[in-house]
Amino acid sequence: MKKIIMLISMLLVSLNSQATLLSVELNQDSDVLTADFIISDIEEDGLGFKKLLASFDFTLSWDNSIIDYVSNSFGNKLNVGVAGSDQSVFDIMTDSMSLSEISYAWWDELLPVQDGLSQFVLASVNFNVTSIGTDTLNLTNVIFGDEFGASFADVSSNNAYFTVNSAGPVDVPEPMTVVLMLIALTVLARKRII
């Protein structure tokens, strides 16, 4: 009987399991490309409740001939409570960086800000667009941890493909006002002669 109950319990837990997903949402405004890193499909614990995210770490890489790193910011779902969080950006190289955040909040401080959310932003990175082209933001070494310090069991990530059509505003020289006035006067003088 115990084996049957154990088998049914494992079957129910395995049917509810899903991979927690880290995806990238891109927005381009003029010559700035912003990448928002979003967690979704958050893993459930053994009782069927969504886990609370207390830490994350991932590596981001890109082609430096199209975009250059400018700045980053972190979301507000881990930096809560009295103790806050430790936010780190390290190994910033020409075309690679690692983002990490560890919350020092207790589960009862994380629960009110994460409960009921199907997804939220972990961090955002801004890039300057330096030339036109197509490239990928690659995500590797993705690790999520819950409020008890355990790693999420099933994590996946989606790389972001993007196309940049403009490397910034194009300067169009303004015609001189005097030249425009001379053209207008020439047209008017010509009409009077005819």
Protein backbone atom coordinates (compact mmCIF):
# COMPACT_ATOMS: atom_id res chain seq x y z
CA MET A 1 0.00 0.00 0.00
CA LYS A 2 2.85 2.38 0.82
CA LYS A 3 4.38 1.75 -2.59
CA ILE A 4 1.12 2.61 -4.35
CA ILE A 5 0.74 5.86 -2.38
CA MET A 6 4.38 6.73 -3.10
CA LEU A 7 3.90 5.97 -6.82
CA ILE A 8 0.76 8.14 -7.02
CA SER A 9 2.51 10.98 -5.16
CA MET A 10 5.51 10.85 -7.48
CA LEU A 11 3.21 10.76 -10.51
CA LEU A 12 1.33 13.86 -9.31
CA VAL A 13 4.56 15.73 -8.61
CA SER A 14 6.05 14.76 -11.98
CA LEU A 15 2.91 15.90 -13.83
CA ASN A 16 3.16 19.32 -12.18
CA SER A 17 6.86 19.82 -12.85
CA GLN A 18 7.93 22.42 -15.36
CA ALA A 19 11.14 24.15 -16.27
CA THR A 20 11.66 27.60 -14.83
CA LEU A 21 12.45 29.87 -17.78
CA LEU A 22 14.82 32.83 -18.10
CA SER A 23 13.99 34.82 -21.22
CA VAL A 24 15.08 38.14 -22.70
CA GLU A 25 12.77 40.93 -23.86
CA LEU A 26 14.45 43.50 -26.12
CA ASN A 27 13.51 47.14 -26.69
CA GLN A 28 15.38 49.53 -28.95
CA ASP A 29 15.00 53.27 -28.54
CA SER A 30 17.11 55.17 -31.05
CA ASP A 31 20.71 54.12 -30.39
CA VAL A 32 20.06 52.25 -27.09
CA LEU A 33 19.13 48.57 -26.92
CA THR A 34 17.65 47.48 -23.57
CA ALA A 35 17.51 43.81 -22.58
CA ASP A 36 15.12 42.85 -19.75
CA PHE A 37 15.80 39.44 -18.21
CA ILE A 38 12.51 37.87 -17.12
CA ILE A 39 11.86 34.78 -15.00
CA SER A 40 8.66 32.86 -15.78
CA ASP A 41 7.11 29.41 -15.37
CA ILE A 42 8.48 29.34 -11.85
CA GLU A 43 9.10 25.84 -10.50
CA GLU A 44 6.79 24.35 -7.89
CA ASP A 45 7.88 22.67 -4.68
CA GLY A 46 6.84 19.15 -3.63
CA LEU A 47 3.51 20.43 -2.27
CA GLY A 48 2.53 22.22 -5.48
CA PHE A 49 3.31 25.78 -4.37
CA LYS A 50 5.45 28.07 -6.53
CA LYS A 51 8.94 28.46 -5.12
CA LEU A 52 10.14 31.87 -4.03
CA LEU A 53 13.21 33.09 -5.88
CA ALA A 54 15.95 34.20 -3.48
CA SER A 55 19.00 34.17 -5.77
CA PHE A 56 20.01 34.09 -9.40
CA ASP A 57 23.21 34.01 -11.39
CA PHE A 58 23.72 33.94 -15.16
CA THR A 59 26.28 34.86 -17.80
CA LEU A 60 25.44 37.02 -20.81
CA SER A 61 27.52 37.29 -23.98
CA TRP A 62 27.15 39.28 -27.23
CA ASP A 63 28.98 40.49 -30.34
CA ASN A 64 30.80 43.69 -29.48
CA SER A 65 30.93 44.83 -33.11
CA ILE A 66 27.17 45.64 -33.03
CA ILE A 67 26.45 46.68 -29.42
CA ASP A 68 28.50 47.94 -26.43
CA TYR A 69 27.63 47.53 -22.74
CA VAL A 70 26.57 50.79 -21.04
CA SER A 71 24.81 50.07 -17.74
CA ASN A 72 22.58 47.67 -15.83
CA SER A 73 19.91 47.71 -13.13
CA PHE A 74 18.28 45.05 -10.99
CA GLY A 75 14.58 44.32 -10.43
CA ASN A 76 12.79 44.89 -7.12
CA LYS A 77 11.53 41.41 -6.20
CA LEU A 78 14.65 40.18 -4.33
CA ASN A 79 15.88 43.41 -2.72
CA VAL A 80 13.23 43.43 0.02
CA GLY A 81 13.08 43.34 3.79
CA VAL A 82 15.47 44.78 6.32
CA ALA A 83 18.56 42.97 5.04
CA GLY A 84 17.99 43.69 1.32
CA SER A 85 20.16 41.89 -1.22
CA ASP A 86 23.65 41.68 -2.67
CA GLN A 87 23.62 42.67 -6.35
CA SER A 88 26.75 41.94 -8.37
CA VAL A 89 27.99 42.46 -11.90
CA PHE A 90 31.30 40.76 -12.45
CA ASP A 91 33.65 39.60 -15.15
CA ILE A 92 32.64 42.45 -17.43
CA MET A 93 34.74 41.79 -20.48
CA THR A 94 34.53 43.12 -23.98
CA ASP A 95 31.59 40.93 -24.89
CA SER A 96 30.55 39.08 -21.73
CA MET A 97 29.32 39.69 -18.18
CA SER A 98 27.78 37.85 -15.25
CA LEU A 99 24.81 39.15 -13.25
CA SER A 100 24.07 37.87 -9.77
CA GLU A 101 21.73 38.76 -6.91
CA ILE A 102 21.29 37.10 -3.52
CA SER A 103 18.41 38.15 -1.28
CA TYR A 104 18.96 38.21 2.47
CA ALA A 105 15.21 38.45 3.10
CA TRP A 106 13.25 35.76 4.92
CA TRP A 107 10.53 33.81 3.12
CA ASP A 108 7.82 35.93 4.78
CA GLU A 109 9.40 39.07 3.26
CA LEU A 110 9.73 37.54 -0.23
CA LEU A 111 6.21 36.07 -0.28
CA PRO A 112 4.24 39.36 -0.43
CA VAL A 113 6.25 40.69 -3.39
CA GLN A 114 6.46 37.46 -5.43
CA ASP A 115 3.21 35.65 -4.57
CA GLY A 116 0.85 35.29 -7.50
CA LEU A 117 3.29 36.59 -10.10
CA SER A 118 3.67 34.44 -13.20
CA GLN A 119 6.78 36.38 -14.25
CA PHE A 120 8.94 39.34 -13.23
CA VAL A 121 12.07 41.22 -14.29
CA LEU A 122 15.33 40.15 -12.64
CA ALA A 123 17.64 42.69 -14.27
CA SER A 124 17.97 45.04 -17.24
CA VAL A 125 21.07 45.80 -19.30
CA ASN A 126 21.50 48.78 -21.63
CA PHE A 127 23.70 48.67 -24.71
CA ASN A 128 24.76 51.37 -27.17
CA VAL A 129 24.12 50.35 -30.76
CA THR A 130 27.34 50.83 -32.73
CA SER A 131 26.42 49.38 -36.14
CA ILE A 132 23.59 47.71 -37.99
CA GLY A 133 23.34 43.94 -38.13
CA THR A 134 21.87 40.79 -36.61
CA ASP A 135 23.17 39.08 -33.50
CA THR A 136 22.26 37.06 -30.41
CA LEU A 137 22.36 37.72 -26.68
CA ASN A 138 23.48 34.35 -25.32
CA LEU A 139 22.53 33.16 -21.83
CA THR A 140 24.66 30.52 -20.09
CA ASN A 141 25.34 29.24 -16.57
CA VAL A 142 21.79 30.04 -15.41
CA ILE A 143 21.25 29.19 -11.73
CA PHE A 144 18.20 29.99 -9.58
CA GLY A 145 17.97 29.41 -5.83
CA ASP A 146 14.96 29.33 -3.53
CA GLU A 147 14.47 30.88 -0.08
CA PHE A 148 15.98 27.81 1.62
CA GLY A 149 19.21 27.92 -0.39
CA ALA A 150 18.33 25.00 -2.67
CA SER A 151 18.87 25.28 -6.42
CA PHE A 152 15.90 25.03 -8.75
CA ALA A 153 15.85 21.55 -10.27
CA ASP A 154 14.82 22.35 -13.85
CA VAL A 155 15.96 25.62 -15.41
CA SER A 156 16.03 26.62 -19.08
CA SER A 157 16.82 29.82 -20.93
CA ASN A 158 16.06 31.38 -24.28
CA ASN A 159 18.72 33.31 -26.14
CA ALA A 160 17.51 36.55 -27.73
CA TYR A 161 17.99 37.13 -31.45
CA PHE A 162 17.84 40.74 -32.59
CA THR A 163 18.29 42.86 -35.69
CA VAL A 164 19.49 46.43 -35.49
CA ASN A 165 18.44 48.52 -38.49
CA SER A 166 19.91 51.81 -37.37
CA ALA A 167 23.01 52.62 -35.41
CA GLY A 168 21.52 55.85 -34.15
CA PRO A 169 20.03 58.98 -35.55
CA VAL A 170 21.33 60.01 -38.95
CA ASP A 171 22.45 63.64 -39.19
CA VAL A 172 20.83 65.34 -42.13
CA PRO A 173 22.36 68.74 -42.87
CA GLU A 174 19.88 71.59 -42.84
CA PRO A 175 19.90 73.75 -45.94
CA MET A 176 20.96 77.29 -45.35
CA THR A 177 18.08 79.75 -45.06
CA VAL A 178 19.76 82.19 -47.43
CA VAL A 179 19.93 79.58 -50.21
CA LEU A 180 16.23 78.79 -49.77
CA MET A 181 15.35 82.49 -49.89
CA LEU A 182 17.44 82.98 -53.06
CA ILE A 183 15.66 80.07 -54.74
CA ALA A 184 12.26 81.49 -53.77
CA LEU A 185 13.22 84.99 -55.04
CA THR A 186 14.49 83.53 -58.29
CA VAL A 187 11.20 81.69 -58.83
CA LEU A 188 9.20 84.87 -58.05
CA ALA A 189 11.37 87.02 -60.34
CA ARG A 190 11.03 84.51 -63.13
CA LYS A 191 7.22 84.52 -62.82
CA ARG A 192 7.18 88.36 -63.10
CA ILE A 193 9.25 88.28 -66.27
CA ILE A 194 6.95 85.74 -67.92
